[in-house]
C-alpha atoms as a PDB file:
ATOM      1  CA  MET A   1     378.896 205.288 196.235  1.00  0.00           C
ATOM      2  CA  PRO A   2     379.075 202.346 198.664  1.00  0.00           C
ATOM      3  CA  PRO A   3     375.829 200.402 198.927  1.00  0.00           C
ATOM      4  CA  VAL A   4     373.648 200.046 202.023  1.00  0.00           C
ATOM      5  CA  SER A   5     374.196 197.166 204.454  1.00  0.00           C
ATOM      6  CA  SER A   6     371.637 194.878 202.777  1.00  0.00           C
ATOM      7  CA  VAL A   7     373.628 194.918 199.543  1.00  0.00           C
ATOM      8  CA  THR A   8     376.844 192.969 198.968  1.00  0.00           C
ATOM      9  CA  VAL A   9     379.060 193.614 195.938  1.00  0.00           C
ATOM     10  CA  SER A  10     380.827 190.638 194.284  1.00  0.00           C
ATOM     11  CA  GLU A  11     382.686 189.942 191.068  1.00  0.00           C
ATOM     12  CA  SER A  12     382.905 186.863 188.904  1.00  0.00           C
ATOM     13  CA  ASN A  13     384.247 186.328 185.411  1.00  0.00           C
ATOM     14  CA  GLY A  14     384.695 190.041 184.973  1.00  0.00           C
ATOM     15  CA  LEU A  15     381.090 190.900 185.930  1.00  0.00           C
ATOM     16  CA  THR A  16     379.957 192.764 189.053  1.00  0.00           C
ATOM     17  CA  PHE A  17     376.929 191.663 190.999  1.00  0.00           C
ATOM     18  CA  LEU A  18     374.780 193.232 193.633  1.00  0.00           C
ATOM     19  CA  ASP A  19     373.290 190.706 196.077  1.00  0.00           C
ATOM     20  CA  VAL A  20     370.451 191.968 198.184  1.00  0.00           C
ATOM     21  CA  ASP A  21     369.421 190.233 201.392  1.00  0.00           C
ATOM     22  CA  ASN A  22     366.942 191.956 203.657  1.00  0.00           C
ATOM     23  CA  ALA A  23     364.237 190.783 206.062  1.00  0.00           C
ATOM     24  CA  LEU A  24     361.722 190.387 203.236  1.00  0.00           C
ATOM     25  CA  ALA A  25     363.550 188.940 200.265  1.00  0.00           C
ATOM     26  CA  THR A  26     366.825 188.218 198.432  1.00  0.00           C
ATOM     27  CA  ALA A  27     367.739 189.343 194.923  1.00  0.00           C
ATOM     28  CA  ARG A  28     370.685 189.339 192.548  1.00  0.00           C
ATOM     29  CA  ILE A  29     371.515 192.031 190.017  1.00  0.00           C
ATOM     30  CA  SER A  30     374.244 192.095 187.412  1.00  0.00           C
ATOM     31  CA  LEU A  31     375.653 195.496 186.590  1.00  0.00           C
ATOM     32  CA  PHE A  32     376.292 194.110 183.103  1.00  0.00           C
ATOM     33  CA  GLY A  33     373.018 194.947 181.453  1.00  0.00           C
ATOM     34  CA  GLY A  34     371.449 196.299 184.652  1.00  0.00           C
ATOM     35  CA  HIS A  35     370.113 192.796 184.667  1.00  0.00           C
ATOM     36  CA  ILE A  36     368.025 191.268 187.499  1.00  0.00           C
ATOM     37  CA  LEU A  37     368.861 187.624 187.892  1.00  0.00           C
ATOM     38  CA  SER A  38     366.962 186.506 190.978  1.00  0.00           C
ATOM     39  CA  TYR A  39     364.080 187.442 193.231  1.00  0.00           C
ATOM     40  CA  VAL A  40     363.185 185.192 196.182  1.00  0.00           C
ATOM     41  CA  PRO A  41     360.557 186.477 198.652  1.00  0.00           C
ATOM     42  CA  LYS A  42     361.070 185.139 202.119  1.00  0.00           C
ATOM     43  CA  SER A  43     357.320 184.599 202.469  1.00  0.00           C
ATOM     44  CA  ASP A  44     357.686 181.332 200.634  1.00  0.00           C
ATOM     45  CA  ASN A  45     361.425 181.174 199.641  1.00  0.00           C
ATOM     46  CA  LYS A  46     360.540 180.313 195.998  1.00  0.00           C
ATOM     47  CA  GLU A  47     362.451 181.734 193.072  1.00  0.00           C
ATOM     48  CA  ARG A  48     360.338 183.853 190.768  1.00  0.00           C
ATOM     49  CA  LEU A  49     362.830 184.354 187.925  1.00  0.00           C
ATOM     50  CA  TRP A  50     364.393 181.879 185.536  1.00  0.00           C
ATOM     51  CA  VAL A  51     367.949 182.086 184.238  1.00  0.00           C
ATOM     52  CA  SER A  52     369.242 179.631 181.677  1.00  0.00           C
ATOM     53  CA  PRO A  53     371.966 177.277 182.997  1.00  0.00           C
ATOM     54  CA  HIS A  54     373.819 178.033 179.790  1.00  0.00           C
ATOM     55  CA  ALA A  55     373.560 181.809 180.094  1.00  0.00           C
ATOM     56  CA  TYR A  56     376.728 183.758 179.356  1.00  0.00           C
ATOM     57  CA  LEU A  57     377.759 185.358 182.615  1.00  0.00           C
ATOM     58  CA  ASN A  58     381.029 186.817 181.367  1.00  0.00           C
ATOM     59  CA  GLY A  59     379.953 189.868 179.326  1.00  0.00           C
ATOM     60  CA  GLU A  60     380.369 188.124 175.939  1.00  0.00           C
ATOM     61  CA  ARG A  61     376.613 188.151 175.209  1.00  0.00           C
ATOM     62  CA  PRO A  62     373.388 189.407 176.725  1.00  0.00           C
ATOM     63  CA  ILE A  63     372.280 187.318 179.709  1.00  0.00           C
ATOM     64  CA  ARG A  64     369.601 184.681 178.866  1.00  0.00           C
ATOM     65  CA  GLY A  65     366.900 184.842 181.535  1.00  0.00           C
ATOM     66  CA  GLY A  66     366.059 187.052 184.485  1.00  0.00           C
ATOM     67  CA  ILE A  67     364.910 190.551 183.381  1.00  0.00           C
ATOM     68  CA  PRO A  68     366.669 191.836 180.341  1.00  0.00           C
ATOM     69  CA  VAL A  69     366.228 195.592 179.698  1.00  0.00           C
ATOM     70  CA  CYS A  70     365.013 196.331 176.150  1.00  0.00           C
ATOM     71  CA  TRP A  71     365.581 200.008 175.072  1.00  0.00           C
ATOM     72  CA  PRO A  72     365.255 202.104 172.876  1.00  0.00           C
ATOM     73  CA  TRP A  73     363.614 199.578 170.578  1.00  0.00           C
ATOM     74  CA  PHE A  74     361.911 196.222 171.042  1.00  0.00           C
ATOM     75  CA  SER A  75     363.126 193.179 169.125  1.00  0.00           C
ATOM     76  CA  ASP A  76     364.394 194.388 165.692  1.00  0.00           C
ATOM     77  CA  ASP A  77     361.959 197.285 165.361  1.00  0.00           C
ATOM     78  CA  HIS A  78     364.696 199.851 164.707  1.00  0.00           C
ATOM     79  CA  GLY A  79     363.935 200.821 161.122  1.00  0.00           C
ATOM     80  CA  ARG A  80     366.830 199.010 159.512  1.00  0.00           C
ATOM     81  CA  GLU A  81     367.477 195.550 158.158  1.00  0.00           C
ATOM     82  CA  LYS A  82     367.193 192.796 160.726  1.00  0.00           C
ATOM     83  CA  GLY A  83     370.612 192.244 162.354  1.00  0.00           C
ATOM     84  CA  ALA A  84     371.889 195.673 161.383  1.00  0.00           C
ATOM     85  CA  LEU A  85     371.542 196.800 164.965  1.00  0.00           C
ATOM     86  CA  PRO A  86     371.436 194.796 168.205  1.00  0.00           C
ATOM     87  CA  SER A  87     368.127 193.120 168.976  1.00  0.00           C
ATOM     88  CA  HIS A  88     366.257 194.823 171.847  1.00  0.00           C
ATOM     89  CA  GLY A  89     368.638 197.836 171.802  1.00  0.00           C
ATOM     90  CA  PHE A  90     371.987 198.557 173.410  1.00  0.00           C
ATOM     91  CA  LEU A  91     371.335 198.888 177.200  1.00  0.00           C
ATOM     92  CA  ARG A  92     371.496 195.112 177.981  1.00  0.00           C
ATOM     93  CA  THR A  93     375.142 194.829 176.787  1.00  0.00           C
ATOM     94  CA  GLN A  94     376.718 197.695 178.674  1.00  0.00           C
ATOM     95  CA  VAL A  95     377.796 198.142 182.234  1.00  0.00           C
ATOM     96  CA  TRP A  96     375.471 200.096 184.451  1.00  0.00           C
ATOM     97  CA  LYS A  97     376.433 202.187 187.479  1.00  0.00           C
ATOM     98  CA  LEU A  98     375.023 202.111 191.005  1.00  0.00           C
ATOM     99  CA  ILE A  99     373.675 205.614 191.598  1.00  0.00           C
ATOM    100  CA  ASP A 100     371.970 205.177 195.008  1.00  0.00           C
ATOM    101  CA  SER A 101     370.667 202.611 197.474  1.00  0.00           C
ATOM    102  CA  LYS A 102     368.661 202.761 200.649  1.00  0.00           C
ATOM    103  CA  ASP A 103     366.990 200.494 203.189  1.00  0.00           C
ATOM    104  CA  ASP A 104     363.720 200.977 205.048  1.00  0.00           C
ATOM    105  CA  ASP A 105     361.068 198.843 206.605  1.00  0.00           C
ATOM    106  CA  SER A 106     359.532 198.043 203.173  1.00  0.00           C
ATOM    107  CA  GLY A 107     362.778 196.761 201.662  1.00  0.00           C
ATOM    108  CA  THR A 108     365.832 197.833 199.676  1.00  0.00           C
ATOM    109  CA  THR A 109     365.773 200.383 196.824  1.00  0.00           C
ATOM    110  CA  ILE A 110     368.537 200.438 194.260  1.00  0.00           C
ATOM    111  CA  GLU A 111     368.958 203.041 191.527  1.00  0.00           C
ATOM    112  CA  LEU A 112     371.096 202.250 188.449  1.00  0.00           C
ATOM    113  CA  SER A 113     371.944 204.074 185.247  1.00  0.00           C
ATOM    114  CA  PRO A 114     373.591 202.878 182.003  1.00  0.00           C
ATOM    115  CA  SER A 115     376.967 204.123 180.867  1.00  0.00           C
ATOM    116  CA  PHE A 116     375.461 205.857 177.770  1.00  0.00           C
ATOM    117  CA  THR A 117     372.069 206.378 176.056  1.00  0.00           C
ATOM    118  CA  ARG A 118     373.258 207.543 172.584  1.00  0.00           C
ATOM    119  CA  ALA A 119     374.442 205.043 170.059  1.00  0.00           C
ATOM    120  CA  ASP A 120     373.976 204.026 166.407  1.00  0.00           C
ATOM    121  CA  GLY A 121     370.205 203.952 165.774  1.00  0.00           C
ATOM    122  CA  PHE A 122     369.328 206.366 168.581  1.00  0.00           C
ATOM    123  CA  GLU A 123     371.019 209.743 168.697  1.00  0.00           C
ATOM    124  CA  ASN A 124     368.647 211.626 170.950  1.00  0.00           C
ATOM    125  CA  GLU A 125     369.457 213.441 174.210  1.00  0.00           C
ATOM    126  CA  CYS A 126     368.009 211.670 177.183  1.00  0.00           C
ATOM    127  CA  ASN A 127     368.602 210.195 180.619  1.00  0.00           C
ATOM    128  CA  VAL A 128     367.666 206.622 181.574  1.00  0.00           C
ATOM    129  CA  SER A 129     367.583 205.108 184.986  1.00  0.00           C
ATOM    130  CA  MET A 130     366.164 202.060 186.624  1.00  0.00           C
ATOM    131  CA  VAL A 131     364.850 201.875 190.158  1.00  0.00           C
ATOM    132  CA  ILE A 132     364.495 198.456 191.755  1.00  0.00           C
ATOM    133  CA  LYS A 133     362.646 197.873 194.998  1.00  0.00           C
ATOM    134  CA  VAL A 134     363.245 194.488 196.704  1.00  0.00           C
ATOM    135  CA  GLY A 135     360.700 193.682 199.412  1.00  0.00           C
ATOM    136  CA  ASN A 136     357.447 191.728 199.689  1.00  0.00           C
ATOM    137  CA  THR A 137     357.164 192.525 196.026  1.00  0.00           C
ATOM    138  CA  MET A 138     359.776 193.436 193.467  1.00  0.00           C
ATOM    139  CA  ASP A 139     359.151 196.770 191.716  1.00  0.00           C
ATOM    140  CA  ILE A 140     361.161 197.615 188.600  1.00  0.00           C
ATOM    141  CA  SER A 141     360.794 201.107 187.087  1.00  0.00           C
ATOM    142  CA  LEU A 142     362.567 201.959 183.810  1.00  0.00           C
ATOM    143  CA  ILE A 143     362.595 205.764 183.551  1.00  0.00           C
ATOM    144  CA  THR A 144     363.286 207.709 180.299  1.00  0.00           C
ATOM    145  CA  GLU A 145     363.629 211.453 180.347  1.00  0.00           C
ATOM    146  CA  ASN A 146     363.985 213.669 177.249  1.00  0.00           C
ATOM    147  CA  THR A 147     366.775 216.136 178.057  1.00  0.00           C
ATOM    148  CA  GLY A 148     366.999 217.544 174.559  1.00  0.00           C
ATOM    149  CA  VAL A 149     365.173 220.212 172.602  1.00  0.00           C
ATOM    150  CA  ALA A 150     363.288 217.936 170.172  1.00  0.00           C
ATOM    151  CA  PRO A 151     360.760 215.150 170.692  1.00  0.00           C
ATOM    152  CA  PHE A 152     361.736 211.582 170.010  1.00  0.00           C
ATOM    153  CA  GLU A 153     360.036 208.181 169.759  1.00  0.00           C
ATOM    154  CA  PHE A 154     361.125 204.971 171.479  1.00  0.00           C
ATOM    155  CA  ASN A 155     360.043 201.531 172.542  1.00  0.00           C
ATOM    156  CA  CYS A 156     361.183 199.457 175.544  1.00  0.00           C
ATOM    157  CA  ALA A 157     360.385 196.461 177.621  1.00  0.00           C
ATOM    158  CA  LEU A 158     361.129 194.583 180.854  1.00  0.00           C
ATOM    159  CA  HIS A 159     361.616 191.180 179.185  1.00  0.00           C
ATOM    160  CA  THR A 160     360.974 189.088 182.289  1.00  0.00           C
ATOM    161  CA  TYR A 161     361.567 185.316 182.334  1.00  0.00           C
ATOM    162  CA  PHE A 162     359.404 183.875 185.066  1.00  0.00           C
ATOM    163  CA  HIS A 163     360.163 180.537 186.682  1.00  0.00           C
ATOM    164  CA  VAL A 164     357.403 177.897 186.516  1.00  0.00           C
ATOM    165  CA  ASP A 165     357.605 174.312 187.736  1.00  0.00           C
ATOM    166  CA  HIS A 166     356.351 172.998 184.381  1.00  0.00           C
ATOM    167  CA  ILE A 167     354.962 174.994 181.455  1.00  0.00           C
ATOM    168  CA  GLN A 168     352.321 172.323 180.651  1.00  0.00           C
ATOM    169  CA  HIS A 169     350.899 172.832 184.168  1.00  0.00           C
ATOM    170  CA  THR A 170     350.836 176.620 183.817  1.00  0.00           C
ATOM    171  CA  LEU A 171     347.990 178.980 182.910  1.00  0.00           C
ATOM    172  CA  ILE A 172     347.868 182.827 182.505  1.00  0.00           C
ATOM    173  CA  SER A 173     344.805 184.781 183.518  1.00  0.00           C
ATOM    174  CA  GLY A 174     343.924 188.443 183.183  1.00  0.00           C
ATOM    175  CA  ILE A 175     344.891 188.939 179.545  1.00  0.00           C
ATOM    176  CA  GLU A 176     342.095 189.808 177.113  1.00  0.00           C
ATOM    177  CA  GLY A 177     341.674 191.250 173.626  1.00  0.00           C
ATOM    178  CA  GLN A 178     343.698 190.710 170.532  1.00  0.00           C
ATOM    179  CA  TYR A 179     347.354 189.913 169.936  1.00  0.00           C
ATOM    180  CA  LYS A 180     349.783 189.937 166.997  1.00  0.00           C
ATOM    181  CA  ASP A 181     351.183 186.464 166.353  1.00  0.00           C
ATOM    182  CA  LYS A 182     354.774 186.809 165.296  1.00  0.00           C
ATOM    183  CA  LEU A 183     354.882 183.099 164.365  1.00  0.00           C
ATOM    184  CA  ASP A 184     351.984 183.550 161.919  1.00  0.00           C
ATOM    185  CA  ASN A 185     353.067 186.552 159.827  1.00  0.00           C
ATOM    186  CA  TRP A 186     351.822 188.966 162.516  1.00  0.00           C
ATOM    187  CA  ALA A 187     348.236 187.788 162.145  1.00  0.00           C
ATOM    188  CA  LEU A 188     345.787 189.420 164.530  1.00  0.00           C
ATOM    189  CA  LYS A 189     344.139 186.829 166.796  1.00  0.00           C
ATOM    190  CA  ALA A 190     341.913 186.633 169.879  1.00  0.00           C
ATOM    191  CA  THR A 191     343.490 185.756 173.237  1.00  0.00           C
ATOM    192  CA  PRO A 192     342.658 182.181 174.163  1.00  0.00           C
ATOM    193  CA  THR A 193     340.628 181.207 177.275  1.00  0.00           C
ATOM    194  CA  PRO A 194     341.907 179.456 179.236  1.00  0.00           C
ATOM    195  CA  TYR A 195     345.318 180.775 178.381  1.00  0.00           C
ATOM    196  CA  ALA A 196     347.684 177.768 178.277  1.00  0.00           C
ATOM    197  CA  ILE A 197     351.053 177.461 176.502  1.00  0.00           C
ATOM    198  CA  THR A 198     350.883 174.404 174.287  1.00  0.00           C
ATOM    199  CA  GLY A 199     353.620 175.098 171.740  1.00  0.00           C
ATOM    200  CA  GLU A 200     356.009 177.816 170.551  1.00  0.00           C
ATOM    201  CA  THR A 201     354.498 181.184 171.490  1.00  0.00           C
ATOM    202  CA  ASP A 202     355.528 184.740 170.487  1.00  0.00           C
ATOM    203  CA  ARG A 203     352.641 187.175 171.009  1.00  0.00           C
ATOM    204  CA  ILE A 204     352.297 190.894 171.429  1.00  0.00           C
ATOM    205  CA  HIS A 205     349.054 191.665 173.196  1.00  0.00           C
ATOM    206  CA  LEU A 206     348.010 195.115 171.954  1.00  0.00           C
ATOM    207  CA  ALA A 207     346.499 196.617 175.086  1.00  0.00           C
ATOM    208  CA  PRO A 208     347.835 198.323 178.245  1.00  0.00           C
ATOM    209  CA  ILE A 209     347.077 195.291 180.329  1.00  0.00           C
ATOM    210  CA  LYS A 210     347.631 196.126 183.980  1.00  0.00           C
ATOM    211  CA  THR A 211     347.412 192.704 185.773  1.00  0.00           C
ATOM    212  CA  ALA A 212     348.169 189.149 184.709  1.00  0.00           C
ATOM    213  CA  ASP A 213     348.407 186.115 186.910  1.00  0.00           C
ATOM    214  CA  ILE A 214     350.625 183.082 186.425  1.00  0.00           C
ATOM    215  CA  GLU A 215     349.002 179.961 187.847  1.00  0.00           C
ATOM    216  CA  VAL A 216     350.852 176.702 188.360  1.00  0.00           C
ATOM    217  CA  ASP A 217     349.024 173.454 189.057  1.00  0.00           C
ATOM    218  CA  GLY A 218     345.822 175.436 189.600  1.00  0.00           C
ATOM    219  CA  ASN A 219     347.328 177.659 192.258  1.00  0.00           C
ATOM    220  CA  ALA A 220     348.205 181.347 191.962  1.00  0.00           C
ATOM    221  CA  PHE A 221     351.997 181.740 191.979  1.00  0.00           C
ATOM    222  CA  THR A 222     353.070 185.088 190.596  1.00  0.00           C
ATOM    223  CA  GLN A 223     351.058 188.253 189.658  1.00  0.00           C
ATOM    224  CA  VAL A 224     352.503 190.652 187.083  1.00  0.00           C
ATOM    225  CA  VAL A 225     351.376 194.270 187.475  1.00  0.00           C
ATOM    226  CA  SER A 226     352.285 196.691 184.689  1.00  0.00           C
ATOM    227  CA  GLU A 227     352.209 200.481 184.455  1.00  0.00           C
ATOM    228  CA  GLY A 228     353.138 202.797 181.648  1.00  0.00           C
ATOM    229  CA  ASN A 229     352.836 200.012 179.045  1.00  0.00           C
ATOM    230  CA  ASP A 230     350.850 199.793 175.841  1.00  0.00           C
ATOM    231  CA  SER A 231     351.426 196.035 175.302  1.00  0.00           C
ATOM    232  CA  LEU A 232     352.100 192.777 177.125  1.00  0.00           C
ATOM    233  CA  VAL A 233     354.337 190.234 175.407  1.00  0.00           C
ATOM    234  CA  VAL A 234     354.105 186.503 176.050  1.00  0.00           C
ATOM    235  CA  TRP A 235     356.923 184.245 174.825  1.00  0.00           C
ATOM    236  CA  ASN A 236     358.068 180.643 175.121  1.00  0.00           C
ATOM    237  CA  PRO A 237     360.320 179.064 172.485  1.00  0.00           C
ATOM    238  CA  TRP A 238     359.082 175.484 173.208  1.00  0.00           C
ATOM    239  CA  GLN A 239     361.170 172.989 171.293  1.00  0.00           C
ATOM    240  CA  SER A 240     362.878 175.787 169.305  1.00  0.00           C
ATOM    241  CA  ALA A 241     364.925 176.202 172.512  1.00  0.00           C
ATOM    242  CA  ALA A 242     367.165 173.469 171.120  1.00  0.00           C
ATOM    243  CA  SER A 243     368.346 175.969 168.420  1.00  0.00           C
ATOM    244  CA  ILE A 244     369.225 178.693 171.004  1.00  0.00           C
ATOM    245  CA  SER A 245     372.856 178.334 171.908  1.00  0.00           C
ATOM    246  CA  ASP A 246     372.577 179.659 175.485  1.00  0.00           C
ATOM    247  CA  MET A 247     369.424 177.704 176.405  1.00  0.00           C
ATOM    248  CA  ASP A 248     368.968 174.096 177.504  1.00  0.00           C
ATOM    249  CA  PRO A 249     366.836 172.118 174.972  1.00  0.00           C
ATOM    250  CA  PHE A 250     364.315 171.485 177.777  1.00  0.00           C
ATOM    251  CA  GLY A 251     364.620 174.851 179.466  1.00  0.00           C
ATOM    252  CA  TYR A 252     361.381 175.971 177.915  1.00  0.00           C
ATOM    253  CA  LYS A 253     359.531 173.663 180.347  1.00  0.00           C
ATOM    254  CA  HIS A 254     360.471 175.854 183.305  1.00  0.00           C
ATOM    255  CA  MET A 255     360.113 179.404 182.021  1.00  0.00           C
ATOM    256  CA  LEU A 256     357.504 181.818 180.703  1.00  0.00           C
ATOM    257  CA  CYS A 257     358.168 185.347 179.557  1.00  0.00           C
ATOM    258  CA  VAL A 258     355.490 187.896 180.446  1.00  0.00           C
ATOM    259  CA  GLU A 259     356.958 191.227 179.359  1.00  0.00           C
ATOM    260  CA  THR A 260     355.735 194.706 180.370  1.00  0.00           C
ATOM    261  CA  SER A 261     356.278 196.554 177.133  1.00  0.00           C
ATOM    262  CA  LEU A 262     356.000 199.640 174.948  1.00  0.00           C
ATOM    263  CA  THR A 263     355.855 198.260 171.369  1.00  0.00           C
ATOM    264  CA  GLN A 264     353.650 200.799 169.566  1.00  0.00           C
ATOM    265  CA  GLY A 265     355.856 203.832 169.879  1.00  0.00           C
ATOM    266  CA  LYS A 266     356.027 206.356 172.642  1.00  0.00           C
ATOM    267  CA  THR A 267     356.835 210.000 171.886  1.00  0.00           C
ATOM    268  CA  LEU A 268     358.470 212.076 174.554  1.00  0.00           C
ATOM    269  CA  ALA A 269     358.426 215.863 174.318  1.00  0.00           C
ATOM    270  CA  PRO A 270     361.387 217.922 175.621  1.00  0.00           C
ATOM    271  CA  SER A 271     361.557 217.694 179.455  1.00  0.00           C
ATOM    272  CA  GLU A 272     358.918 214.935 179.453  1.00  0.00           C
ATOM    273  CA  CYS A 273     359.563 211.721 181.459  1.00  0.00           C
ATOM    274  CA  HIS A 274     358.072 208.217 181.050  1.00  0.00           C
ATOM    275  CA  THR A 275     358.183 205.366 183.504  1.00  0.00           C
ATOM    276  CA  LEU A 276     357.623 201.758 182.477  1.00  0.00           C
ATOM    277  CA  LYS A 277     357.035 199.785 185.681  1.00  0.00           C
ATOM    278  CA  GLN A 278     356.608 196.084 186.426  1.00  0.00           C
ATOM    279  CA  THR A 279     355.721 194.810 189.868  1.00  0.00           C
ATOM    280  CA  ILE A 280     356.267 191.097 190.639  1.00  0.00           C
ATOM    281  CA  VAL A 281     353.780 190.020 193.334  1.00  0.00           C
ATOM    282  CA  PRO A 282     354.213 186.607 194.958  1.00  0.00           C
ATOM    283  CA  ARG A 283     350.879 184.856 195.477  1.00  0.00           C
END
């Protein structure tokens, strides 16, 4: 299906990209991984997403940065030994298809679907699609539908890397309650106030947090609105970035992951549908 007039299709290094340019914003989406790489609202012309300058943009590896799609498990929570199955599932390393696109006064809507949803580690019958709305905000909906005759359990996340001018001048507000600290043997801890990133951070906040704000230099910059989630993940590798092959050693200074997530297991009955949605709101 040819895309609408606001969408241009291009190819580079064997990957296909959709470039959106409408009256309200621009965006870039890679069909490899169904991966959103850029969102720039024209209200301030500032990039909201961060992509590593060393990201593999040739299909050899998942893309570092932007919005990776994690499904049907988060991290290595697949019930087998770590490394036995791909981290974050198998949707971010396959080619997605453009199913539909449309323009209206509120922006451009694009619907994508992966090539397959059954693979080693997840053999259930289901449909998955992603609907992306590019306008004054960016809305990303990851939709899972059980098309089989038996219930199944899954996890997923929109693993968004947000751009910040400098991590040491960045605060997060709107997150409360307890989190699991992956870096401290999954210890349960209280969310700090104020919420600053001062070192390596890998936290699963165990609540269906709906709104979080990223503030830079004391000014609101990006609001993250979540629906259909049971968790919110906050991650920054800090100086461990130097050990990540597709990340600049100092890249951690300009990124912050705030991830709309299902990490505690969601069961879908036959014919049931679930939508995990993240809205990126420029402030």
